[in-house]
PDB file of N, CA and C in Angstrom:
ATOM      1  N   MET A   1       0.825  -1.247   0.208  1.00  0.00           N
ATOM      2  CA  MET A   1       0.161  -0.468   0.209  1.00  0.00           C
ATOM      3  C   MET A   1       0.778   1.174   0.246  1.00  0.00           C
ATOM      4  N   ALA A   2       0.571   2.030  -0.340  1.00  0.00           N
ATOM      5  CA  ALA A   2       1.441   3.644  -0.762  1.00  0.00           C
ATOM      6  C   ALA A   2      -0.275   4.620  -0.128  1.00  0.00           C
ATOM      7  N   LEU A   3       0.841   5.891   0.188  1.00  0.00           N
ATOM      8  CA  LEU A   3       0.111   7.229   1.057  1.00  0.00           C
ATOM      9  C   LEU A   3       0.519   8.009  -0.132  1.00  0.00           C
ATOM     10  N   ASP A   4      -0.672   8.980  -0.480  1.00  0.00           N
ATOM     11  CA  ASP A   4      -0.732  10.027  -0.970  1.00  0.00           C
ATOM     12  C   ASP A   4      -1.039  11.408  -0.390  1.00  0.00           C
ATOM     13  N   PHE A   5      -0.634  12.727  -0.496  1.00  0.00           N
ATOM     14  CA  PHE A   5      -1.338  13.169  -0.333  1.00  0.00           C
ATOM     15  C   PHE A   5      -0.593  15.009  -0.734  1.00  0.00           C
ATOM     16  N   GLN A   6      -1.345  15.808  -0.429  1.00  0.00           N
ATOM     17  CA  GLN A   6      -0.396  17.451  -0.276  1.00  0.00           C
ATOM     18  C   GLN A   6      -0.225  17.895   1.025  1.00  0.00           C
ATOM     19  N   VAL A   7       0.483  18.793   0.961  1.00  0.00           N
ATOM     20  CA  VAL A   7       1.351  19.751   2.337  1.00  0.00           C
ATOM     21  C   VAL A   7       1.061  21.475   1.621  1.00  0.00           C
ATOM     22  N   ASN A   8       1.235  22.103   2.673  1.00  0.00           N
ATOM     23  CA  ASN A   8       1.387  24.046   2.075  1.00  0.00           C
ATOM     24  C   ASN A   8       2.325  24.310   3.227  1.00  0.00           C
ATOM     25  N   LEU A   9       3.694  22.927   2.823  1.00  0.00           N
ATOM     26  CA  LEU A   9       4.868  23.003   2.642  1.00  0.00           C
ATOM     27  C   LEU A   9       6.027  23.049   1.429  1.00  0.00           C
ATOM     28  N   LEU A  10       6.695  24.079   2.178  1.00  0.00           N
ATOM     29  CA  LEU A  10       7.677  23.535   0.778  1.00  0.00           C
ATOM     30  C   LEU A  10       8.369  22.386   1.357  1.00  0.00           C
ATOM     31  N   PRO A  11       9.155  21.827   0.013  1.00  0.00           N
ATOM     32  CA  PRO A  11       9.366  20.038   0.508  1.00  0.00           C
ATOM     33  C   PRO A  11      10.397  20.219   1.791  1.00  0.00           C
ATOM     34  N   GLU A  12      12.144  21.177   1.817  1.00  0.00           N
ATOM     35  CA  GLU A  12      12.437  20.818   2.261  1.00  0.00           C
ATOM     36  C   GLU A  12      12.109  20.669   3.722  1.00  0.00           C
ATOM     37  N   GLU A  13      11.047  21.542   4.013  1.00  0.00           N
ATOM     38  CA  GLU A  13       9.763  22.204   5.530  1.00  0.00           C
ATOM     39  C   GLU A  13       9.468  20.697   5.736  1.00  0.00           C
ATOM     40  N   ALA A  14       9.096  20.781   4.829  1.00  0.00           N
ATOM     41  CA  ALA A  14       8.342  18.640   5.217  1.00  0.00           C
ATOM     42  C   ALA A  14       9.267  17.689   5.706  1.00  0.00           C
ATOM     43  N   GLU A  15      10.020  17.992   4.792  1.00  0.00           N
ATOM     44  CA  GLU A  15      11.483  16.485   5.008  1.00  0.00           C
ATOM     45  C   GLU A  15      12.040  16.977   6.310  1.00  0.00           C
ATOM     46  N   LYS A  16      12.184  18.454   7.199  1.00  0.00           N
ATOM     47  CA  LYS A  16      12.556  18.770   8.156  1.00  0.00           C
ATOM     48  C   LYS A  16      11.630  18.245   9.507  1.00  0.00           C
ATOM     49  N   ILE A  17      10.645  18.359   9.240  1.00  0.00           N
ATOM     50  CA  ILE A  17       9.448  18.102  10.127  1.00  0.00           C
ATOM     51  C   ILE A  17       9.508  16.525  10.161  1.00  0.00           C
ATOM     52  N   ILE A  18       9.283  15.735   9.232  1.00  0.00           N
ATOM     53  CA  ILE A  18       9.629  14.356   9.392  1.00  0.00           C
ATOM     54  C   ILE A  18      10.170  13.659   9.903  1.00  0.00           C
ATOM     55  N   THR A  19      11.444  14.057   9.361  1.00  0.00           N
ATOM     56  CA  THR A  19      12.790  13.215  10.232  1.00  0.00           C
ATOM     57  C   THR A  19      13.282  14.133  11.446  1.00  0.00           C
ATOM     58  N   HIS A  20      12.885  14.658  11.845  1.00  0.00           N
ATOM     59  CA  HIS A  20      12.805  15.445  13.722  1.00  0.00           C
ATOM     60  C   HIS A  20      11.339  15.015  13.860  1.00  0.00           C
ATOM     61  N   GLU A  21      10.220  14.399  13.838  1.00  0.00           N
ATOM     62  CA  GLU A  21       9.233  13.062  14.680  1.00  0.00           C
ATOM     63  C   GLU A  21       9.735  12.349  14.597  1.00  0.00           C
ATOM     64  N   ILE A  22       9.905  11.341  13.558  1.00  0.00           N
ATOM     65  CA  ILE A  22      10.830   9.894  13.174  1.00  0.00           C
ATOM     66  C   ILE A  22      11.951   9.863  13.942  1.00  0.00           C
ATOM     67  N   GLU A  23      12.933  10.481  14.050  1.00  0.00           N
ATOM     68  CA  GLU A  23      14.034  10.331  14.671  1.00  0.00           C
ATOM     69  C   GLU A  23      13.841  10.823  16.481  1.00  0.00           C
ATOM     70  N   GLU A  24      13.184  11.959  16.410  1.00  0.00           N
ATOM     71  CA  GLU A  24      13.495  12.426  18.239  1.00  0.00           C
ATOM     72  C   GLU A  24      12.214  11.636  18.502  1.00  0.00           C
ATOM     73  N   LYS A  25      10.947  11.732  18.523  1.00  0.00           N
ATOM     74  CA  LYS A  25       9.978  11.356  18.700  1.00  0.00           C
ATOM     75  C   LYS A  25       9.645   9.250  19.064  1.00  0.00           C
ATOM     76  N   SER A  26      10.804   8.535  18.494  1.00  0.00           N
ATOM     77  CA  SER A  26      10.619   7.174  18.272  1.00  0.00           C
ATOM     78  C   SER A  26      12.130   6.843  18.675  1.00  0.00           C
ATOM     79  N   ILE A  27      12.314   5.758  19.359  1.00  0.00           N
ATOM     80  CA  ILE A  27      13.657   4.577  19.751  1.00  0.00           C
ATOM     81  C   ILE A  27      14.126   4.644  18.914  1.00  0.00           C
ATOM     82  N   THR A  28      13.587   4.039  17.663  1.00  0.00           N
ATOM     83  CA  THR A  28      14.230   3.268  17.027  1.00  0.00           C
ATOM     84  C   THR A  28      14.312   3.535  15.522  1.00  0.00           C
ATOM     85  N   GLY A  29      13.611   4.797  15.323  1.00  0.00           N
ATOM     86  CA  GLY A  29      13.524   4.850  14.152  1.00  0.00           C
ATOM     87  C   GLY A  29      14.917   5.796  13.597  1.00  0.00           C
ATOM     88  N   MET A  30      15.237   6.547  12.571  1.00  0.00           N
ATOM     89  CA  MET A  30      16.319   6.685  11.851  1.00  0.00           C
ATOM     90  C   MET A  30      16.435   6.787  10.252  1.00  0.00           C
ATOM     91  N   LEU A  31      17.107   8.312   9.902  1.00  0.00           N
ATOM     92  CA  LEU A  31      16.732   8.237   8.605  1.00  0.00           C
ATOM     93  C   LEU A  31      18.006   7.632   8.360  1.00  0.00           C
ATOM     94  N   ILE A  32      18.090   6.799   7.158  1.00  0.00           N
ATOM     95  CA  ILE A  32      18.715   6.113   6.738  1.00  0.00           C
ATOM     96  C   ILE A  32      20.030   7.042   5.435  1.00  0.00           C
ATOM     97  N   ASP A  33      19.229   7.577   4.567  1.00  0.00           N
ATOM     98  CA  ASP A  33      19.732   8.516   3.685  1.00  0.00           C
ATOM     99  C   ASP A  33      18.511   9.064   2.831  1.00  0.00           C
ATOM    100  N   LYS A  34      18.992  10.513   2.396  1.00  0.00           N
ATOM    101  CA  LYS A  34      18.365  11.457   1.859  1.00  0.00           C
ATOM    102  C   LYS A  34      18.562  11.975   0.677  1.00  0.00           C
ATOM    103  N   TYR A  35      18.360  11.983  -0.921  1.00  0.00           N
ATOM    104  CA  TYR A  35      18.491  12.261  -2.061  1.00  0.00           C
ATOM    105  C   TYR A  35      17.744  13.281  -2.829  1.00  0.00           C
ATOM    106  N   VAL A  36      18.594  14.162  -3.388  1.00  0.00           N
ATOM    107  CA  VAL A  36      17.789  15.752  -3.731  1.00  0.00           C
ATOM    108  C   VAL A  36      18.077  16.182  -4.904  1.00  0.00           C
ATOM    109  N   VAL A  37      16.803  16.460  -5.749  1.00  0.00           N
ATOM    110  CA  VAL A  37      17.151  16.563  -7.184  1.00  0.00           C
ATOM    111  C   VAL A  37      16.402  18.052  -7.293  1.00  0.00           C
ATOM    112  N   ASN A  38      17.129  19.001  -8.053  1.00  0.00           N
ATOM    113  CA  ASN A  38      17.016  20.465  -8.059  1.00  0.00           C
ATOM    114  C   ASN A  38      17.007  20.302  -9.078  1.00  0.00           C
ATOM    115  N   GLY A  39      15.304  21.381  -9.473  1.00  0.00           N
ATOM    116  CA  GLY A  39      15.017  21.360 -10.903  1.00  0.00           C
ATOM    117  C   GLY A  39      14.731  22.906 -10.928  1.00  0.00           C
ATOM    118  N   ASP A  40      14.393  23.816 -11.485  1.00  0.00           N
ATOM    119  CA  ASP A  40      14.578  25.252 -12.393  1.00  0.00           C
ATOM    120  C   ASP A  40      13.129  25.679 -11.054  1.00  0.00           C
ATOM    121  N   ASN A  41      13.349  26.557 -10.935  1.00  0.00           N
ATOM    122  CA  ASN A  41      13.331  27.798 -10.463  1.00  0.00           C
ATOM    123  C   ASN A  41      11.975  27.205  -8.990  1.00  0.00           C
ATOM    124  N   GLY A  42      13.465  26.666  -8.192  1.00  0.00           N
ATOM    125  CA  GLY A  42      12.669  26.606  -6.521  1.00  0.00           C
ATOM    126  C   GLY A  42      12.048  24.905  -6.765  1.00  0.00           C
ATOM    127  N   LYS A  43      11.789  24.208  -8.440  1.00  0.00           N
ATOM    128  CA  LYS A  43      11.560  22.883  -7.819  1.00  0.00           C
ATOM    129  C   LYS A  43      12.339  21.805  -7.175  1.00  0.00           C
ATOM    130  N   VAL A  44      12.116  20.672  -6.228  1.00  0.00           N
ATOM    131  CA  VAL A  44      12.281  20.223  -5.688  1.00  0.00           C
ATOM    132  C   VAL A  44      11.934  18.680  -5.527  1.00  0.00           C
ATOM    133  N   CYS A  45      13.183  17.344  -5.891  1.00  0.00           N
ATOM    134  CA  CYS A  45      11.695  16.376  -5.225  1.00  0.00           C
ATOM    135  C   CYS A  45      13.768  15.813  -4.191  1.00  0.00           C
ATOM    136  N   MET A  46      12.596  15.162  -3.608  1.00  0.00           N
ATOM    137  CA  MET A  46      13.382  14.536  -2.546  1.00  0.00           C
ATOM    138  C   MET A  46      12.929  13.550  -1.914  1.00  0.00           C
ATOM    139  N   VAL A  47      14.185  12.204  -1.738  1.00  0.00           N
ATOM    140  CA  VAL A  47      13.222  10.720  -1.826  1.00  0.00           C
ATOM    141  C   VAL A  47      14.447  10.952  -0.637  1.00  0.00           C
ATOM    142  N   SER A  48      13.506  10.184   0.708  1.00  0.00           N
ATOM    143  CA  SER A  48      14.155  10.444   2.010  1.00  0.00           C
ATOM    144  C   SER A  48      14.393   8.082   2.431  1.00  0.00           C
ATOM    145  N   VAL A  49      15.117   7.648   2.843  1.00  0.00           N
ATOM    146  CA  VAL A  49      14.388   6.474   3.808  1.00  0.00           C
ATOM    147  C   VAL A  49      15.106   6.637   5.068  1.00  0.00           C
ATOM    148  N   TYR A  50      13.668   6.123   5.579  1.00  0.00           N
ATOM    149  CA  TYR A  50      13.976   5.716   7.095  1.00  0.00           C
ATOM    150  C   TYR A  50      13.759   4.439   7.873  1.00  0.00           C
ATOM    151  N   GLU A  51      13.657   3.885   9.106  1.00  0.00           N
ATOM    152  CA  GLU A  51      14.100   2.221   8.723  1.00  0.00           C
ATOM    153  C   GLU A  51      13.475   2.715  10.559  1.00  0.00           C
ATOM    154  N   LYS A  52      12.751   1.637  11.183  1.00  0.00           N
ATOM    155  CA  LYS A  52      12.302   1.658  12.325  1.00  0.00           C
ATOM    156  C   LYS A  52      11.555   0.352  12.529  1.00  0.00           C
ATOM    157  N   HIS A  53      11.863   0.023  14.251  1.00  0.00           N
ATOM    158  CA  HIS A  53      11.860  -1.465  14.863  1.00  0.00           C
ATOM    159  C   HIS A  53      10.752  -1.535  15.588  1.00  0.00           C
ATOM    160  N   TYR A  54       9.694  -2.545  14.861  1.00  0.00           N
ATOM    161  CA  TYR A  54       8.035  -2.511  15.460  1.00  0.00           C
ATOM    162  C   TYR A  54       8.364  -3.502  16.303  1.00  0.00           C
ATOM    163  N   MET A  55       8.237  -3.757  17.742  1.00  0.00           N
ATOM    164  CA  MET A  55       7.816  -4.245  18.400  1.00  0.00           C
ATOM    165  C   MET A  55       6.887  -5.617  18.176  1.00  0.00           C
ATOM    166  N   ARG A  56       5.792  -5.417  17.699  1.00  0.00           N
ATOM    167  CA  ARG A  56       4.950  -5.811  17.400  1.00  0.00           C
ATOM    168  C   ARG A  56       4.410  -7.169  15.974  1.00  0.00           C
ATOM    169  N   ALA A  57       5.725  -6.716  15.694  1.00  0.00           N
ATOM    170  CA  ALA A  57       5.942  -7.533  13.829  1.00  0.00           C
ATOM    171  C   ALA A  57       7.197  -7.874  14.394  1.00  0.00           C
ATOM    172  N   ASP A  58       8.104  -7.503  15.873  1.00  0.00           N
ATOM    173  CA  ASP A  58       9.139  -7.730  15.803  1.00  0.00           C
ATOM    174  C   ASP A  58      10.364  -7.844  14.381  1.00  0.00           C
ATOM    175  N   THR A  59       9.680  -6.785  13.704  1.00  0.00           N
ATOM    176  CA  THR A  59      11.007  -6.568  12.455  1.00  0.00           C
ATOM    177  C   THR A  59      11.161  -4.698  12.297  1.00  0.00           C
ATOM    178  N   ARG A  60      12.024  -4.991  11.410  1.00  0.00           N
ATOM    179  CA  ARG A  60      12.847  -3.581  10.608  1.00  0.00           C
ATOM    180  C   ARG A  60      11.796  -2.843   9.782  1.00  0.00           C
ATOM    181  N   LEU A  61      11.362  -2.091  10.325  1.00  0.00           N
ATOM    182  CA  LEU A  61      11.107  -1.801   8.593  1.00  0.00           C
ATOM    183  C   LEU A  61      11.689  -0.450   7.694  1.00  0.00           C
ATOM    184  N   THR A  62      11.581  -0.594   6.151  1.00  0.00           N
ATOM    185  CA  THR A  62      11.571   1.048   5.739  1.00  0.00           C
ATOM    186  C   THR A  62      10.224   1.048   5.179  1.00  0.00           C
ATOM    187  N   LEU A  63      11.148   3.298   5.016  1.00  0.00           N
ATOM    188  CA  LEU A  63       9.905   4.101   4.794  1.00  0.00           C
ATOM    189  C   LEU A  63      10.535   5.349   3.934  1.00  0.00           C
ATOM    190  N   THR A  64       9.818   4.837   2.606  1.00  0.00           N
ATOM    191  CA  THR A  64      10.602   5.313   1.725  1.00  0.00           C
ATOM    192  C   THR A  64       9.725   7.198   1.447  1.00  0.00           C
ATOM    193  N   VAL A  65       9.755   8.576   1.878  1.00  0.00           N
ATOM    194  CA  VAL A  65       9.523   8.925   1.048  1.00  0.00           C
ATOM    195  C   VAL A  65      10.295   9.759   0.195  1.00  0.00           C
ATOM    196  N   VAL A  66       8.971  10.574  -0.569  1.00  0.00           N
ATOM    197  CA  VAL A  66       8.934  10.563  -1.425  1.00  0.00           C
ATOM    198  C   VAL A  66       8.499  12.798  -2.103  1.00  0.00           C
ATOM    199  N   ILE A  67       8.661  13.636  -1.726  1.00  0.00           N
ATOM    200  CA  ILE A  67       8.121  14.825  -1.366  1.00  0.00           C
ATOM    201  C   ILE A  67       8.830  16.451  -2.440  1.00  0.00           C
ATOM    202  N   ASP A  68       7.962  16.027  -3.594  1.00  0.00           N
ATOM    203  CA  ASP A  68       8.355  17.192  -4.315  1.00  0.00           C
ATOM    204  C   ASP A  68       7.563  18.149  -4.422  1.00  0.00           C
ATOM    205  N   ASN A  69       7.641  19.020  -5.187  1.00  0.00           N
ATOM    206  CA  ASN A  69       7.030  20.249  -5.310  1.00  0.00           C
ATOM    207  C   ASN A  69       7.318  20.718  -6.842  1.00  0.00           C
ATOM    208  N   MET A  70       6.961  19.702  -8.162  1.00  0.00           N
ATOM    209  CA  MET A  70       7.066  19.727  -9.786  1.00  0.00           C
ATOM    210  C   MET A  70       6.306  20.121  -9.820  1.00  0.00           C
ATOM    211  N   GLU A  71       5.450  19.899  -9.395  1.00  0.00           N
ATOM    212  CA  GLU A  71       3.507  20.950 -10.523  1.00  0.00           C
ATOM    213  C   GLU A  71       3.694  21.564  -9.498  1.00  0.00           C
ATOM    214  N   GLY A  72       4.079  22.328  -9.221  1.00  0.00           N
ATOM    215  CA  GLY A  72       3.789  23.817  -7.934  1.00  0.00           C
ATOM    216  C   GLY A  72       2.802  23.212  -6.629  1.00  0.00           C
ATOM    217  N   VAL A  73       2.369  22.534  -6.104  1.00  0.00           N
ATOM    218  CA  VAL A  73       2.336  22.272  -5.065  1.00  0.00           C
ATOM    219  C   VAL A  73       3.267  21.004  -4.438  1.00  0.00           C
ATOM    220  N   THR A  74       3.585  21.133  -3.208  1.00  0.00           N
ATOM    221  CA  THR A  74       4.328  20.092  -2.196  1.00  0.00           C
ATOM    222  C   THR A  74       3.858  18.469  -2.134  1.00  0.00           C
ATOM    223  N   ARG A  75       3.451  17.824  -2.558  1.00  0.00           N
ATOM    224  CA  ARG A  75       3.454  16.190  -2.949  1.00  0.00           C
ATOM    225  C   ARG A  75       4.256  15.496  -1.966  1.00  0.00           C
ATOM    226  N   VAL A  76       3.647  14.795  -0.937  1.00  0.00           N
ATOM    227  CA  VAL A  76       3.955  13.181  -0.048  1.00  0.00           C
ATOM    228  C   VAL A  76       3.784  11.867  -0.286  1.00  0.00           C
ATOM    229  N   HIS A  77       4.596  11.383  -1.192  1.00  0.00           N
ATOM    230  CA  HIS A  77       4.924  10.200  -1.384  1.00  0.00           C
ATOM    231  C   HIS A  77       5.438   9.297  -0.342  1.00  0.00           C
ATOM    232  N   CYS A  78       3.954   7.649   0.181  1.00  0.00           N
ATOM    233  CA  CYS A  78       5.128   7.190   1.498  1.00  0.00           C
ATOM    234  C   CYS A  78       4.849   5.845   0.969  1.00  0.00           C
ATOM    235  N   ILE A  79       5.796   5.068   0.891  1.00  0.00           N
ATOM    236  CA  ILE A  79       5.411   3.374   0.728  1.00  0.00           C
ATOM    237  C   ILE A  79       6.656   2.916   2.163  1.00  0.00           C
ATOM    238  N   ALA A  80       6.074   2.256   2.829  1.00  0.00           N
ATOM    239  CA  ALA A  80       6.452   1.063   3.989  1.00  0.00           C
ATOM    240  C   ALA A  80       7.093  -0.139   3.072  1.00  0.00           C
ATOM    241  N   GLY A  81       7.841  -1.006   3.561  1.00  0.00           N
ATOM    242  CA  GLY A  81       8.124  -1.557   2.821  1.00  0.00           C
ATOM    243  C   GLY A  81       8.598  -3.113   4.746  1.00  0.00           C
ATOM    244  N   GLY A  82      10.089  -4.114   4.189  1.00  0.00           N
ATOM    245  CA  GLY A  82      10.317  -5.207   4.929  1.00  0.00           C
ATOM    246  C   GLY A  82       9.555  -6.124   6.415  1.00  0.00           C
ATOM    247  N   GLY A  83       8.627  -5.771   6.294  1.00  0.00           N
ATOM    248  CA  GLY A  83       7.772  -6.421   7.740  1.00  0.00           C
ATOM    249  C   GLY A  83       7.191  -7.760   7.086  1.00  0.00           C
ATOM    250  N   GLY A  84       7.087  -8.325   8.343  1.00  0.00           N
ATOM    251  CA  GLY A  84       7.082 -10.040   8.054  1.00  0.00           C
ATOM    252  C   GLY A  84       8.656 -10.415   7.930  1.00  0.00           C
ATOM    253  N   GLU A  85       8.225 -11.941   7.638  1.00  0.00           N
ATOM    254  CA  GLU A  85       9.014 -13.335   7.672  1.00  0.00           C
ATOM    255  C   GLU A  85       9.761 -14.148   6.411  1.00  0.00           C
ATOM    256  N   ALA A  86      10.379 -14.437   6.303  1.00  0.00           N
ATOM    257  CA  ALA A  86      10.207 -15.311   5.076  1.00  0.00           C
ATOM    258  C   ALA A  86       9.700 -14.810   4.097  1.00  0.00           C
ATOM    259  N   PHE A  87       8.489 -15.872   3.785  1.00  0.00           N
ATOM    260  CA  PHE A  87       7.847 -15.451   2.449  1.00  0.00           C
ATOM    261  C   PHE A  87       6.815 -15.118   2.926  1.00  0.00           C
ATOM    262  N   PHE A  88       6.492 -14.813   3.930  1.00  0.00           N
ATOM    263  CA  PHE A  88       5.378 -14.326   4.733  1.00  0.00           C
ATOM    264  C   PHE A  88       5.193 -12.741   5.246  1.00  0.00           C
ATOM    265  N   ARG A  89       4.288 -12.013   4.026  1.00  0.00           N
ATOM    266  CA  ARG A  89       4.304 -10.113   4.728  1.00  0.00           C
ATOM    267  C   ARG A  89       3.201 -10.576   5.207  1.00  0.00           C
ATOM    268  N   PHE A  90       2.847 -10.898   6.363  1.00  0.00           N
ATOM    269  CA  PHE A  90       1.775 -10.299   7.335  1.00  0.00           C
ATOM    270  C   PHE A  90       2.846 -10.077   8.414  1.00  0.00           C
ATOM    271  N   ASP A  91       2.767  -8.418   9.384  1.00  0.00           N
ATOM    272  CA  ASP A  91       3.419  -7.759   9.934  1.00  0.00           C
ATOM    273  C   ASP A  91       2.601  -6.898  10.690  1.00  0.00           C
ATOM    274  N   PHE A  92       1.410  -7.360  10.713  1.00  0.00           N
ATOM    275  CA  PHE A  92       0.335  -7.080  12.008  1.00  0.00           C
ATOM    276  C   PHE A  92      -0.040  -5.328  11.914  1.00  0.00           C
ATOM    277  N   GLY A  93       0.153  -4.826  10.117  1.00  0.00           N
ATOM    278  CA  GLY A  93      -1.088  -3.736  10.409  1.00  0.00           C
ATOM    279  C   GLY A  93       0.970  -2.724  10.427  1.00  0.00           C
ATOM    280  N   ALA A  94       2.243  -3.071  10.924  1.00  0.00           N
ATOM    281  CA  ALA A  94       3.412  -2.313  10.973  1.00  0.00           C
ATOM    282  C   ALA A  94       3.429  -1.307   9.836  1.00  0.00           C
ATOM    283  N   SER A  95       3.724  -1.755   8.848  1.00  0.00           N
ATOM    284  CA  SER A  95       4.144  -1.086   7.720  1.00  0.00           C
ATOM    285  C   SER A  95       3.202   0.051   7.430  1.00  0.00           C
ATOM    286  N   GLU A  96       2.033  -0.090   7.509  1.00  0.00           N
ATOM    287  CA  GLU A  96       1.001   0.437   7.027  1.00  0.00           C
ATOM    288  C   GLU A  96       0.906   1.678   8.623  1.00  0.00           C
ATOM    289  N   SER A  97       1.052   1.381   9.705  1.00  0.00           N
ATOM    290  CA  SER A  97       1.030   2.203  10.908  1.00  0.00           C
ATOM    291  C   SER A  97       2.182   3.256  10.206  1.00  0.00           C
ATOM    292  N   PHE A  98       3.920   2.663   9.425  1.00  0.00           N
ATOM    293  CA  PHE A  98       4.842   3.617   9.786  1.00  0.00           C
ATOM    294  C   PHE A  98       4.287   4.322   8.424  1.00  0.00           C
ATOM    295  N   GLU A  99       3.526   4.475   6.924  1.00  0.00           N
ATOM    296  CA  GLU A  99       3.232   5.020   6.278  1.00  0.00           C
ATOM    297  C   GLU A  99       1.506   5.975   7.045  1.00  0.00           C
ATOM    298  N   TYR A 100       1.226   6.558   7.537  1.00  0.00           N
ATOM    299  CA  TYR A 100       0.356   6.974   8.235  1.00  0.00           C
ATOM    300  C   TYR A 100       1.078   7.794   9.297  1.00  0.00           C
ATOM    301  N   SER A 101       2.436   7.366   9.574  1.00  0.00           N
ATOM    302  CA  SER A 101       2.463   8.618  10.730  1.00  0.00           C
ATOM    303  C   SER A 101       3.464   9.617  10.565  1.00  0.00           C
ATOM    304  N   VAL A 102       3.570   9.347   8.787  1.00  0.00           N
ATOM    305  CA  VAL A 102       3.878  10.439   8.131  1.00  0.00           C
ATOM    306  C   VAL A 102       2.526  11.163   8.075  1.00  0.00           C
ATOM    307  N   GLU A 103       1.185  10.877   7.654  1.00  0.00           N
ATOM    308  CA  GLU A 103       0.379  11.613   7.519  1.00  0.00           C
ATOM    309  C   GLU A 103       0.092  12.400   8.431  1.00  0.00           C
ATOM    310  N   LYS A 104      -0.040  11.759  10.206  1.00  0.00           N
ATOM    311  CA  LYS A 104      -0.051  12.604  11.392  1.00  0.00           C
ATOM    312  C   LYS A 104       1.002  13.136  11.093  1.00  0.00           C
ATOM    313  N   ILE A 105       1.804  13.413  11.132  1.00  0.00           N
ATOM    314  CA  ILE A 105       2.950  14.468  11.199  1.00  0.00           C
ATOM    315  C   ILE A 105       2.842  15.845  10.843  1.00  0.00           C
ATOM    316  N   LEU A 106       2.531  15.308   9.390  1.00  0.00           N
ATOM    317  CA  LEU A 106       1.872  16.439   8.999  1.00  0.00           C
ATOM    318  C   LEU A 106       0.311  17.142   8.638  1.00  0.00           C
ATOM    319  N   SER A 107      -0.169  16.529   9.594  1.00  0.00           N
ATOM    320  CA  SER A 107      -1.895  16.492   9.447  1.00  0.00           C
ATOM    321  C   SER A 107      -2.336  17.409   9.549  1.00  0.00           C
ATOM    322  N   GLN A 108      -1.288  18.805  10.137  1.00  0.00           N
ATOM    323  CA  GLN A 108      -2.296  20.187  10.262  1.00  0.00           C
ATOM    324  C   GLN A 108      -1.534  20.606   8.971  1.00  0.00           C
ATOM    325  N   TYR A 109      -0.818  20.490   8.065  1.00  0.00           N
ATOM    326  CA  TYR A 109      -0.682  21.602   6.753  1.00  0.00           C
ATOM    327  C   TYR A 109      -0.796  20.928   5.614  1.00  0.00           C
ATOM    328  N   LYS A 110      -2.031  19.541   5.570  1.00  0.00           N
ATOM    329  CA  LYS A 110      -2.853  18.935   4.816  1.00  0.00           C
ATOM    330  C   LYS A 110      -3.295  19.609   4.488  1.00  0.00           C
ATOM    331  N   ILE A 111      -3.619  19.410   2.363  1.00  0.00           N
ATOM    332  CA  ILE A 111      -4.189  20.344   1.841  1.00  0.00           C
ATOM    333  C   ILE A 111      -5.492  19.949   1.512  1.00  0.00           C
TER     334      ILE A 111
END
């Protein structure tokens, strides 16, 4: 599952808020890497990958967040992965929870 929404922030502001909340408000959450592509006229696309351990699934999940303003408005796209064991992808809803944490973090800025 993936999550898409728009916010009334610059991409850099949105990314900074997300990173702060995941790293500072979580014991196991961390930013693994960030890649930024700068376009013309202040356009930017940011790809950030986060990792977090979820106790209920006893697994580490990754969350990829793409934030861009290529079409004028800032869009946020989130996709989590890595849950489950072996061939089973059942993670007790942990990946969906990780995705929706970004929407919750940016809820006051959502358009």
